[in-house]
Amino acid sequence: MPRSSAIFAALARGDMSEADRLTDTAPHIHYTGADFIPLFQQSLMVAATAALNIERAHKRYMAARAVITIAAYRQQEGDDALILDAERRKDEHQTSAQAVWAAYAQAIAEAGLDPKETIRAVWSFDDASQGLLADEAEPGAETLELFRFILRKGTN
């Protein structure tokens, strides 16, 4: 597990040579004892899945914000209903992203890894994304169970 954390940290920093060195110097599968590779691979899969789902929700959130801005600017008949619908969708997409993040963060932390460091290995975790995820949310129950299931495959 410490090797996986060190590799995620190197990838998050963009230090590919350090990540390669840590990978190349790891014990091989025939080594007596648990190896980090299965957990590392499953963690990457979970991080990538979470990142894709959060990114999709973020894009939909931003599209809803754009609709609100444009409708508020042009002020045409029927725009009030359009704005209300866009506000509802914006909130739904933010809640969706937060639920995925909460499930991901909990599952990855349970595996002994740092959620932000791990996700940075596969996704640019920028300020806009962090702002979208700033509020606490309940993890999506199905998503949390899926992430736990995937991670268990890396430790069995």
N, C-alpha and C. Protein backbone atom coordinates (compact mmCIF):
# COMPACT_ATOMS: atom_id res chain seq x y z
N MET A 1 0.80 -1.19 0.00
CA MET A 1 0.00 0.00 0.00
C MET A 1 0.86 1.27 0.00
N PRO A 2 1.95 1.35 0.79
CA PRO A 2 2.78 2.56 0.75
C PRO A 2 3.36 2.82 -0.64
N ARG A 3 3.69 1.76 -1.39
CA ARG A 3 4.23 1.95 -2.73
C ARG A 3 3.16 2.57 -3.63
N SER A 4 1.93 2.12 -3.54
CA SER A 4 0.85 2.70 -4.34
C SER A 4 0.71 4.18 -4.03
N SER A 5 0.74 4.53 -2.76
CA SER A 5 0.64 5.94 -2.37
C SER A 5 1.79 6.76 -2.95
N ALA A 6 2.99 6.20 -2.89
CA ALA A 6 4.16 6.91 -3.42
C ALA A 6 4.06 7.09 -4.94
N ILE A 7 3.56 6.07 -5.64
CA ILE A 7 3.40 6.18 -7.09
C ILE A 7 2.33 7.21 -7.43
N PHE A 8 1.19 7.19 -6.71
CA PHE A 8 0.16 8.20 -6.96
C PHE A 8 0.71 9.61 -6.71
N ALA A 9 1.49 9.76 -5.66
CA ALA A 9 2.07 11.07 -5.36
C ALA A 9 2.99 11.52 -6.51
N ALA A 10 3.80 10.60 -7.02
CA ALA A 10 4.70 10.94 -8.14
C ALA A 10 3.90 11.30 -9.39
N LEU A 11 2.86 10.53 -9.69
CA LEU A 11 2.03 10.83 -10.86
C LEU A 11 1.31 12.17 -10.70
N ALA A 12 0.84 12.45 -9.49
CA ALA A 12 0.15 13.72 -9.24
C ALA A 12 1.09 14.91 -9.45
N ARG A 13 2.38 14.71 -9.14
CA ARG A 13 3.38 15.77 -9.36
C ARG A 13 3.85 15.82 -10.81
N GLY A 14 3.48 14.82 -11.58
CA GLY A 14 3.95 14.74 -12.96
C GLY A 14 5.35 14.16 -13.07
N ASP A 15 5.83 13.51 -12.02
CA ASP A 15 7.17 12.95 -11.98
C ASP A 15 7.13 11.50 -12.48
N MET A 16 7.11 11.36 -13.79
CA MET A 16 7.00 10.03 -14.40
C MET A 16 8.22 9.17 -14.12
N SER A 17 9.41 9.77 -14.06
CA SER A 17 10.61 8.97 -13.81
C SER A 17 10.57 8.34 -12.41
N GLU A 18 10.08 9.09 -11.43
CA GLU A 18 9.95 8.53 -10.08
C GLU A 18 8.88 7.44 -10.06
N ALA A 19 7.75 7.66 -10.74
CA ALA A 19 6.70 6.64 -10.81
C ALA A 19 7.24 5.37 -11.48
N ASP A 20 7.99 5.55 -12.57
CA ASP A 20 8.59 4.39 -13.25
C ASP A 20 9.60 3.68 -12.36
N ARG A 21 10.41 4.44 -11.65
CA ARG A 21 11.42 3.84 -10.76
C ARG A 21 10.73 3.02 -9.68
N LEU A 22 9.68 3.58 -9.08
CA LEU A 22 8.96 2.85 -8.04
C LEU A 22 8.32 1.59 -8.59
N THR A 23 7.80 1.67 -9.81
CA THR A 23 7.17 0.51 -10.44
C THR A 23 8.22 -0.55 -10.78
N ASP A 24 9.32 -0.11 -11.37
CA ASP A 24 10.36 -1.05 -11.82
C ASP A 24 11.08 -1.74 -10.66
N THR A 25 11.14 -1.10 -9.50
CA THR A 25 11.86 -1.69 -8.36
C THR A 25 10.95 -2.45 -7.41
N ALA A 26 9.67 -2.57 -7.78
CA ALA A 26 8.72 -3.29 -6.92
C ALA A 26 8.98 -4.79 -6.97
N PRO A 27 8.64 -5.47 -5.89
CA PRO A 27 8.74 -6.93 -5.90
C PRO A 27 7.84 -7.50 -7.00
N HIS A 28 8.26 -8.58 -7.59
CA HIS A 28 7.47 -9.22 -8.64
C HIS A 28 6.38 -10.08 -8.03
N ILE A 29 5.46 -10.49 -8.85
CA ILE A 29 4.30 -11.25 -8.39
C ILE A 29 4.69 -12.56 -7.71
N HIS A 30 5.82 -13.12 -8.06
CA HIS A 30 6.26 -14.36 -7.42
C HIS A 30 6.89 -14.10 -6.05
N TYR A 31 7.05 -12.87 -5.69
CA TYR A 31 7.58 -12.48 -4.39
C TYR A 31 6.62 -12.91 -3.29
N THR A 32 7.12 -13.39 -2.20
CA THR A 32 6.28 -13.81 -1.09
C THR A 32 5.70 -12.57 -0.42
N GLY A 33 4.39 -12.49 -0.43
CA GLY A 33 3.71 -11.35 0.18
C GLY A 33 2.85 -10.64 -0.84
N ALA A 34 2.04 -9.75 -0.34
CA ALA A 34 1.11 -9.01 -1.21
C ALA A 34 1.88 -8.00 -2.05
N ASP A 35 1.44 -7.82 -3.25
CA ASP A 35 2.05 -6.86 -4.17
C ASP A 35 1.12 -5.68 -4.33
N PHE A 36 1.64 -4.54 -4.67
CA PHE A 36 0.82 -3.32 -4.79
C PHE A 36 0.10 -3.20 -6.12
N ILE A 37 0.55 -3.91 -7.15
CA ILE A 37 0.01 -3.72 -8.50
C ILE A 37 -1.51 -3.90 -8.58
N PRO A 38 -2.10 -4.96 -8.06
CA PRO A 38 -3.56 -5.09 -8.19
C PRO A 38 -4.32 -3.92 -7.58
N LEU A 39 -3.95 -3.50 -6.37
CA LEU A 39 -4.62 -2.36 -5.76
C LEU A 39 -4.35 -1.08 -6.56
N PHE A 40 -3.14 -0.91 -7.02
CA PHE A 40 -2.79 0.26 -7.82
C PHE A 40 -3.66 0.33 -9.08
N GLN A 41 -3.77 -0.78 -9.79
CA GLN A 41 -4.57 -0.80 -11.02
C GLN A 41 -6.04 -0.55 -10.73
N GLN A 42 -6.58 -1.17 -9.70
CA GLN A 42 -7.99 -0.98 -9.36
C GLN A 42 -8.24 0.45 -8.89
N SER A 43 -7.28 1.04 -8.17
CA SER A 43 -7.41 2.42 -7.71
C SER A 43 -7.43 3.38 -8.89
N LEU A 44 -6.59 3.11 -9.89
CA LEU A 44 -6.61 3.93 -11.10
C LEU A 44 -7.95 3.83 -11.81
N MET A 45 -8.51 2.63 -11.85
CA MET A 45 -9.81 2.43 -12.49
C MET A 45 -10.90 3.22 -11.75
N VAL A 46 -10.89 3.15 -10.44
CA VAL A 46 -11.88 3.88 -9.64
C VAL A 46 -11.69 5.39 -9.82
N ALA A 47 -10.45 5.86 -9.78
CA ALA A 47 -10.17 7.29 -9.94
C ALA A 47 -10.62 7.79 -11.31
N ALA A 48 -10.33 7.01 -12.34
CA ALA A 48 -10.73 7.41 -13.70
C ALA A 48 -12.25 7.42 -13.84
N THR A 49 -12.91 6.44 -13.27
CA THR A 49 -14.38 6.38 -13.33
C THR A 49 -14.98 7.58 -12.60
N ALA A 50 -14.47 7.88 -11.42
CA ALA A 50 -14.97 9.03 -10.66
C ALA A 50 -14.71 10.32 -11.43
N ALA A 51 -13.50 10.46 -11.96
CA ALA A 51 -13.15 11.68 -12.69
C ALA A 51 -14.07 11.89 -13.90
N LEU A 52 -14.32 10.84 -14.65
CA LEU A 52 -15.21 10.96 -15.82
C LEU A 52 -16.62 11.36 -15.42
N ASN A 53 -17.13 10.77 -14.35
CA ASN A 53 -18.48 11.11 -13.90
C ASN A 53 -18.56 12.52 -13.34
N ILE A 54 -17.55 12.93 -12.60
CA ILE A 54 -17.53 14.29 -12.06
C ILE A 54 -17.38 15.30 -13.19
N GLU A 55 -16.51 15.01 -14.14
CA GLU A 55 -16.30 15.91 -15.27
C GLU A 55 -17.58 16.07 -16.09
N ARG A 56 -18.30 14.96 -16.32
CA ARG A 56 -19.56 15.03 -17.05
C ARG A 56 -20.57 15.90 -16.31
N ALA A 57 -20.69 15.70 -15.00
CA ALA A 57 -21.61 16.51 -14.20
C ALA A 57 -21.19 17.98 -14.20
N HIS A 58 -19.87 18.22 -14.16
CA HIS A 58 -19.36 19.60 -14.17
C HIS A 58 -19.71 20.30 -15.49
N LYS A 59 -19.56 19.61 -16.60
CA LYS A 59 -19.90 20.20 -17.90
C LYS A 59 -21.38 20.52 -17.98
N ARG A 60 -22.22 19.63 -17.49
CA ARG A 60 -23.67 19.87 -17.49
C ARG A 60 -24.03 21.01 -16.54
N TYR A 61 -23.34 21.08 -15.42
CA TYR A 61 -23.52 22.18 -14.47
C TYR A 61 -23.19 23.52 -15.15
N MET A 62 -22.06 23.55 -15.84
CA MET A 62 -21.64 24.78 -16.52
C MET A 62 -22.60 25.15 -17.65
N ALA A 63 -23.13 24.17 -18.36
CA ALA A 63 -24.10 24.44 -19.43
C ALA A 63 -25.37 25.05 -18.83
N ALA A 64 -25.82 24.53 -17.70
CA ALA A 64 -27.01 25.09 -17.05
C ALA A 64 -26.75 26.52 -16.59
N ARG A 65 -25.56 26.78 -16.07
CA ARG A 65 -25.21 28.16 -15.69
C ARG A 65 -25.22 29.09 -16.90
N ALA A 66 -24.74 28.59 -18.04
CA ALA A 66 -24.74 29.41 -19.26
C ALA A 66 -26.17 29.74 -19.69
N VAL A 67 -27.06 28.76 -19.62
CA VAL A 67 -28.47 28.99 -19.97
C VAL A 67 -29.05 30.07 -19.06
N ILE A 68 -28.76 29.99 -17.78
CA ILE A 68 -29.27 30.99 -16.82
C ILE A 68 -28.76 32.37 -17.17
N THR A 69 -27.48 32.47 -17.45
CA THR A 69 -26.87 33.77 -17.77
C THR A 69 -27.45 34.36 -19.05
N ILE A 70 -27.56 33.54 -20.09
CA ILE A 70 -28.09 34.03 -21.37
C ILE A 70 -29.55 34.43 -21.23
N ALA A 71 -30.35 33.61 -20.57
CA ALA A 71 -31.77 33.91 -20.40
C ALA A 71 -31.97 35.17 -19.56
N ALA A 72 -31.16 35.34 -18.52
CA ALA A 72 -31.27 36.54 -17.69
C ALA A 72 -30.88 37.79 -18.47
N TYR A 73 -29.93 37.64 -19.38
CA TYR A 73 -29.46 38.79 -20.17
C TYR A 73 -30.49 39.20 -21.22
N ARG A 74 -31.06 38.23 -21.92
CA ARG A 74 -31.94 38.59 -23.04
C ARG A 74 -33.35 38.94 -22.58
N GLN A 75 -33.80 38.41 -21.45
CA GLN A 75 -35.08 38.74 -20.83
C GLN A 75 -36.27 38.68 -21.80
N GLN A 76 -36.47 37.52 -22.41
CA GLN A 76 -37.60 37.32 -23.30
C GLN A 76 -38.71 36.58 -22.56
N GLU A 77 -39.89 36.61 -23.15
CA GLU A 77 -41.03 35.93 -22.57
C GLU A 77 -40.73 34.43 -22.47
N GLY A 78 -41.07 33.85 -21.34
CA GLY A 78 -40.83 32.43 -21.12
C GLY A 78 -39.47 32.14 -20.50
N ASP A 79 -38.61 33.13 -20.39
CA ASP A 79 -37.28 32.91 -19.85
C ASP A 79 -37.29 32.60 -18.35
N ASP A 80 -38.32 33.08 -17.63
CA ASP A 80 -38.39 32.79 -16.20
C ASP A 80 -38.50 31.28 -15.96
N ALA A 81 -39.35 30.62 -16.75
CA ALA A 81 -39.49 29.16 -16.62
C ALA A 81 -38.20 28.47 -17.03
N LEU A 82 -37.56 28.98 -18.06
CA LEU A 82 -36.29 28.42 -18.53
C LEU A 82 -35.22 28.54 -17.45
N ILE A 83 -35.18 29.70 -16.80
CA ILE A 83 -34.19 29.92 -15.73
C ILE A 83 -34.46 28.99 -14.55
N LEU A 84 -35.72 28.84 -14.17
CA LEU A 84 -36.05 27.95 -13.06
C LEU A 84 -35.65 26.51 -13.36
N ASP A 85 -35.92 26.07 -14.60
CA ASP A 85 -35.54 24.71 -14.99
C ASP A 85 -34.02 24.55 -15.00
N ALA A 86 -33.32 25.56 -15.51
CA ALA A 86 -31.85 25.50 -15.55
C ALA A 86 -31.27 25.52 -14.13
N GLU A 87 -31.87 26.28 -13.24
CA GLU A 87 -31.41 26.30 -11.84
C GLU A 87 -31.57 24.91 -11.21
N ARG A 88 -32.71 24.26 -11.48
CA ARG A 88 -32.96 22.92 -10.95
C ARG A 88 -31.92 21.93 -11.49
N ARG A 89 -31.68 22.00 -12.81
CA ARG A 89 -30.70 21.09 -13.42
C ARG A 89 -29.29 21.37 -12.92
N LYS A 90 -28.94 22.63 -12.75
CA LYS A 90 -27.62 23.01 -12.22
C LYS A 90 -27.41 22.39 -10.84
N ASP A 91 -28.43 22.52 -9.99
CA ASP A 91 -28.33 21.95 -8.64
C ASP A 91 -28.23 20.43 -8.68
N GLU A 92 -29.00 19.79 -9.57
CA GLU A 92 -28.95 18.33 -9.71
C GLU A 92 -27.56 17.86 -10.13
N HIS A 93 -26.95 18.58 -11.08
CA HIS A 93 -25.63 18.18 -11.57
C HIS A 93 -24.56 18.39 -10.50
N GLN A 94 -24.71 19.46 -9.72
CA GLN A 94 -23.76 19.69 -8.64
C GLN A 94 -23.89 18.59 -7.58
N THR A 95 -25.11 18.27 -7.22
CA THR A 95 -25.36 17.21 -6.24
C THR A 95 -24.82 15.87 -6.74
N SER A 96 -25.01 15.60 -8.03
CA SER A 96 -24.50 14.36 -8.62
C SER A 96 -22.98 14.29 -8.52
N ALA A 97 -22.30 15.37 -8.87
CA ALA A 97 -20.84 15.41 -8.80
C ALA A 97 -20.37 15.23 -7.35
N GLN A 98 -21.05 15.88 -6.42
CA GLN A 98 -20.67 15.78 -5.02
C GLN A 98 -20.87 14.37 -4.48
N ALA A 99 -21.95 13.71 -4.91
CA ALA A 99 -22.21 12.34 -4.45
C ALA A 99 -21.15 11.37 -4.99
N VAL A 100 -20.75 11.56 -6.25
CA VAL A 100 -19.70 10.71 -6.83
C VAL A 100 -18.38 10.97 -6.08
N TRP A 101 -18.05 12.24 -5.86
CA TRP A 101 -16.82 12.57 -5.15
C TRP A 101 -16.82 11.95 -3.75
N ALA A 102 -17.93 12.08 -3.04
CA ALA A 102 -18.01 11.56 -1.68
C ALA A 102 -17.82 10.03 -1.67
N ALA A 103 -18.44 9.35 -2.62
CA ALA A 103 -18.30 7.89 -2.71
C ALA A 103 -16.86 7.52 -3.04
N TYR A 104 -16.29 8.21 -4.02
CA TYR A 104 -14.89 7.96 -4.42
C TYR A 104 -13.95 8.20 -3.24
N ALA A 105 -14.08 9.37 -2.59
CA ALA A 105 -13.17 9.74 -1.51
C ALA A 105 -13.25 8.74 -0.36
N GLN A 106 -14.46 8.31 -0.03
CA GLN A 106 -14.63 7.34 1.06
C GLN A 106 -14.01 5.99 0.69
N ALA A 107 -14.28 5.50 -0.51
CA ALA A 107 -13.76 4.19 -0.92
C ALA A 107 -12.23 4.20 -1.01
N ILE A 108 -11.68 5.25 -1.59
CA ILE A 108 -10.22 5.34 -1.73
C ILE A 108 -9.55 5.48 -0.36
N ALA A 109 -10.15 6.27 0.52
CA ALA A 109 -9.59 6.43 1.87
C ALA A 109 -9.64 5.10 2.62
N GLU A 110 -10.73 4.35 2.45
CA GLU A 110 -10.83 3.03 3.09
C GLU A 110 -9.73 2.09 2.60
N ALA A 111 -9.27 2.29 1.37
CA ALA A 111 -8.18 1.46 0.81
C ALA A 111 -6.81 1.96 1.27
N GLY A 112 -6.79 3.06 2.04
CA GLY A 112 -5.54 3.57 2.57
C GLY A 112 -4.81 4.55 1.67
N LEU A 113 -5.53 5.10 0.69
CA LEU A 113 -4.92 6.05 -0.25
C LEU A 113 -5.53 7.44 -0.07
N ASP A 114 -4.79 8.44 -0.50
CA ASP A 114 -5.27 9.82 -0.43
C ASP A 114 -6.14 10.13 -1.65
N PRO A 115 -7.41 10.49 -1.46
CA PRO A 115 -8.31 10.70 -2.61
C PRO A 115 -7.85 11.78 -3.59
N LYS A 116 -7.42 12.93 -3.09
CA LYS A 116 -7.01 14.01 -4.01
C LYS A 116 -5.75 13.63 -4.76
N GLU A 117 -4.81 13.05 -4.06
CA GLU A 117 -3.55 12.65 -4.69
C GLU A 117 -3.79 11.57 -5.75
N THR A 118 -4.66 10.63 -5.42
CA THR A 118 -4.94 9.53 -6.34
C THR A 118 -5.64 10.03 -7.59
N ILE A 119 -6.64 10.91 -7.43
CA ILE A 119 -7.38 11.37 -8.60
C ILE A 119 -6.53 12.27 -9.49
N ARG A 120 -5.57 12.98 -8.88
CA ARG A 120 -4.68 13.85 -9.68
C ARG A 120 -3.82 13.04 -10.64
N ALA A 121 -3.68 11.75 -10.39
CA ALA A 121 -2.90 10.90 -11.29
C ALA A 121 -3.61 10.71 -12.62
N VAL A 122 -4.93 10.92 -12.66
CA VAL A 122 -5.69 10.68 -13.89
C VAL A 122 -6.48 11.89 -14.36
N TRP A 123 -6.51 12.96 -13.56
CA TRP A 123 -7.40 14.09 -13.88
C TRP A 123 -6.82 15.38 -13.32
N SER A 124 -6.97 16.45 -14.08
CA SER A 124 -6.55 17.76 -13.62
C SER A 124 -7.63 18.29 -12.67
N PHE A 125 -7.36 18.21 -11.40
CA PHE A 125 -8.31 18.58 -10.35
C PHE A 125 -8.20 20.08 -10.12
N ASP A 126 -8.79 20.88 -11.03
CA ASP A 126 -8.61 22.32 -11.01
C ASP A 126 -9.51 23.02 -10.00
N ASP A 127 -9.32 24.35 -9.88
CA ASP A 127 -10.08 25.13 -8.90
C ASP A 127 -11.58 25.06 -9.15
N ALA A 128 -11.99 25.09 -10.43
CA ALA A 128 -13.42 25.03 -10.74
C ALA A 128 -14.03 23.71 -10.28
N SER A 129 -13.31 22.64 -10.48
CA SER A 129 -13.79 21.33 -10.03
C SER A 129 -13.85 21.26 -8.51
N GLN A 130 -12.82 21.77 -7.85
CA GLN A 130 -12.80 21.77 -6.40
C GLN A 130 -13.94 22.62 -5.85
N GLY A 131 -14.23 23.75 -6.51
CA GLY A 131 -15.34 24.60 -6.07
C GLY A 131 -16.67 23.90 -6.19
N LEU A 132 -16.86 23.17 -7.27
CA LEU A 132 -18.10 22.42 -7.49
C LEU A 132 -18.29 21.38 -6.38
N LEU A 133 -17.18 20.83 -5.89
CA LEU A 133 -17.23 19.74 -4.91
C LEU A 133 -17.07 20.22 -3.48
N ALA A 134 -17.06 21.55 -3.28
CA ALA A 134 -16.73 22.11 -1.97
C ALA A 134 -17.69 21.69 -0.87
N ASP A 135 -18.97 21.60 -1.16
CA ASP A 135 -19.94 21.25 -0.13
C ASP A 135 -19.91 19.76 0.16
N GLU A 136 -20.18 19.43 1.42
CA GLU A 136 -20.26 18.03 1.83
C GLU A 136 -21.52 17.40 1.23
N ALA A 137 -21.43 16.17 0.88
CA ALA A 137 -22.59 15.46 0.33
C ALA A 137 -22.55 14.01 0.80
N GLU A 138 -23.69 13.40 0.77
CA GLU A 138 -23.77 11.97 1.05
C GLU A 138 -23.25 11.21 -0.15
N PRO A 139 -22.44 10.19 0.08
CA PRO A 139 -21.98 9.40 -1.07
C PRO A 139 -23.15 8.66 -1.71
N GLY A 140 -23.12 8.56 -3.03
CA GLY A 140 -24.11 7.75 -3.71
C GLY A 140 -23.91 6.30 -3.29
N ALA A 141 -24.94 5.69 -2.72
CA ALA A 141 -24.81 4.35 -2.15
C ALA A 141 -24.36 3.32 -3.18
N GLU A 142 -24.97 3.33 -4.36
CA GLU A 142 -24.60 2.36 -5.40
C GLU A 142 -23.18 2.62 -5.89
N THR A 143 -22.83 3.89 -6.05
CA THR A 143 -21.48 4.24 -6.51
C THR A 143 -20.44 3.82 -5.49
N LEU A 144 -20.73 4.06 -4.21
CA LEU A 144 -19.80 3.66 -3.16
C LEU A 144 -19.59 2.15 -3.16
N GLU A 145 -20.66 1.40 -3.27
CA GLU A 145 -20.53 -0.06 -3.30
C GLU A 145 -19.76 -0.54 -4.53
N LEU A 146 -20.00 0.10 -5.67
CA LEU A 146 -19.26 -0.25 -6.88
C LEU A 146 -17.76 0.01 -6.69
N PHE A 147 -17.41 1.18 -6.18
CA PHE A 147 -16.01 1.51 -5.96
C PHE A 147 -15.37 0.56 -4.96
N ARG A 148 -16.08 0.23 -3.89
CA ARG A 148 -15.55 -0.73 -2.91
C ARG A 148 -15.32 -2.10 -3.55
N PHE A 149 -16.28 -2.53 -4.37
CA PHE A 149 -16.16 -3.82 -5.04
C PHE A 149 -14.92 -3.85 -5.94
N ILE A 150 -14.73 -2.80 -6.72
CA ILE A 150 -13.57 -2.73 -7.62
C ILE A 150 -12.28 -2.76 -6.81
N LEU A 151 -12.23 -2.00 -5.73
CA LEU A 151 -11.01 -1.95 -4.91
C LEU A 151 -10.74 -3.29 -4.21
N ARG A 152 -11.79 -4.00 -3.82
CA ARG A 152 -11.58 -5.32 -3.19
C ARG A 152 -10.91 -6.27 -4.17
N LYS A 153 -11.21 -6.11 -5.47
CA LYS A 153 -10.55 -6.96 -6.47
C LYS A 153 -9.05 -6.72 -6.48
N GLY A 154 -8.61 -5.55 -6.04
CA GLY A 154 -7.19 -5.24 -6.00
C GLY A 154 -6.50 -5.72 -4.74
N THR A 155 -7.28 -6.18 -3.76
CA THR A 155 -6.66 -6.64 -2.51
C THR A 155 -6.87 -8.12 -2.28
N ASN A 156 -7.60 -8.78 -3.16
CA ASN A 156 -7.83 -10.22 -2.99
C ASN A 156 -6.85 -11.04 -3.80
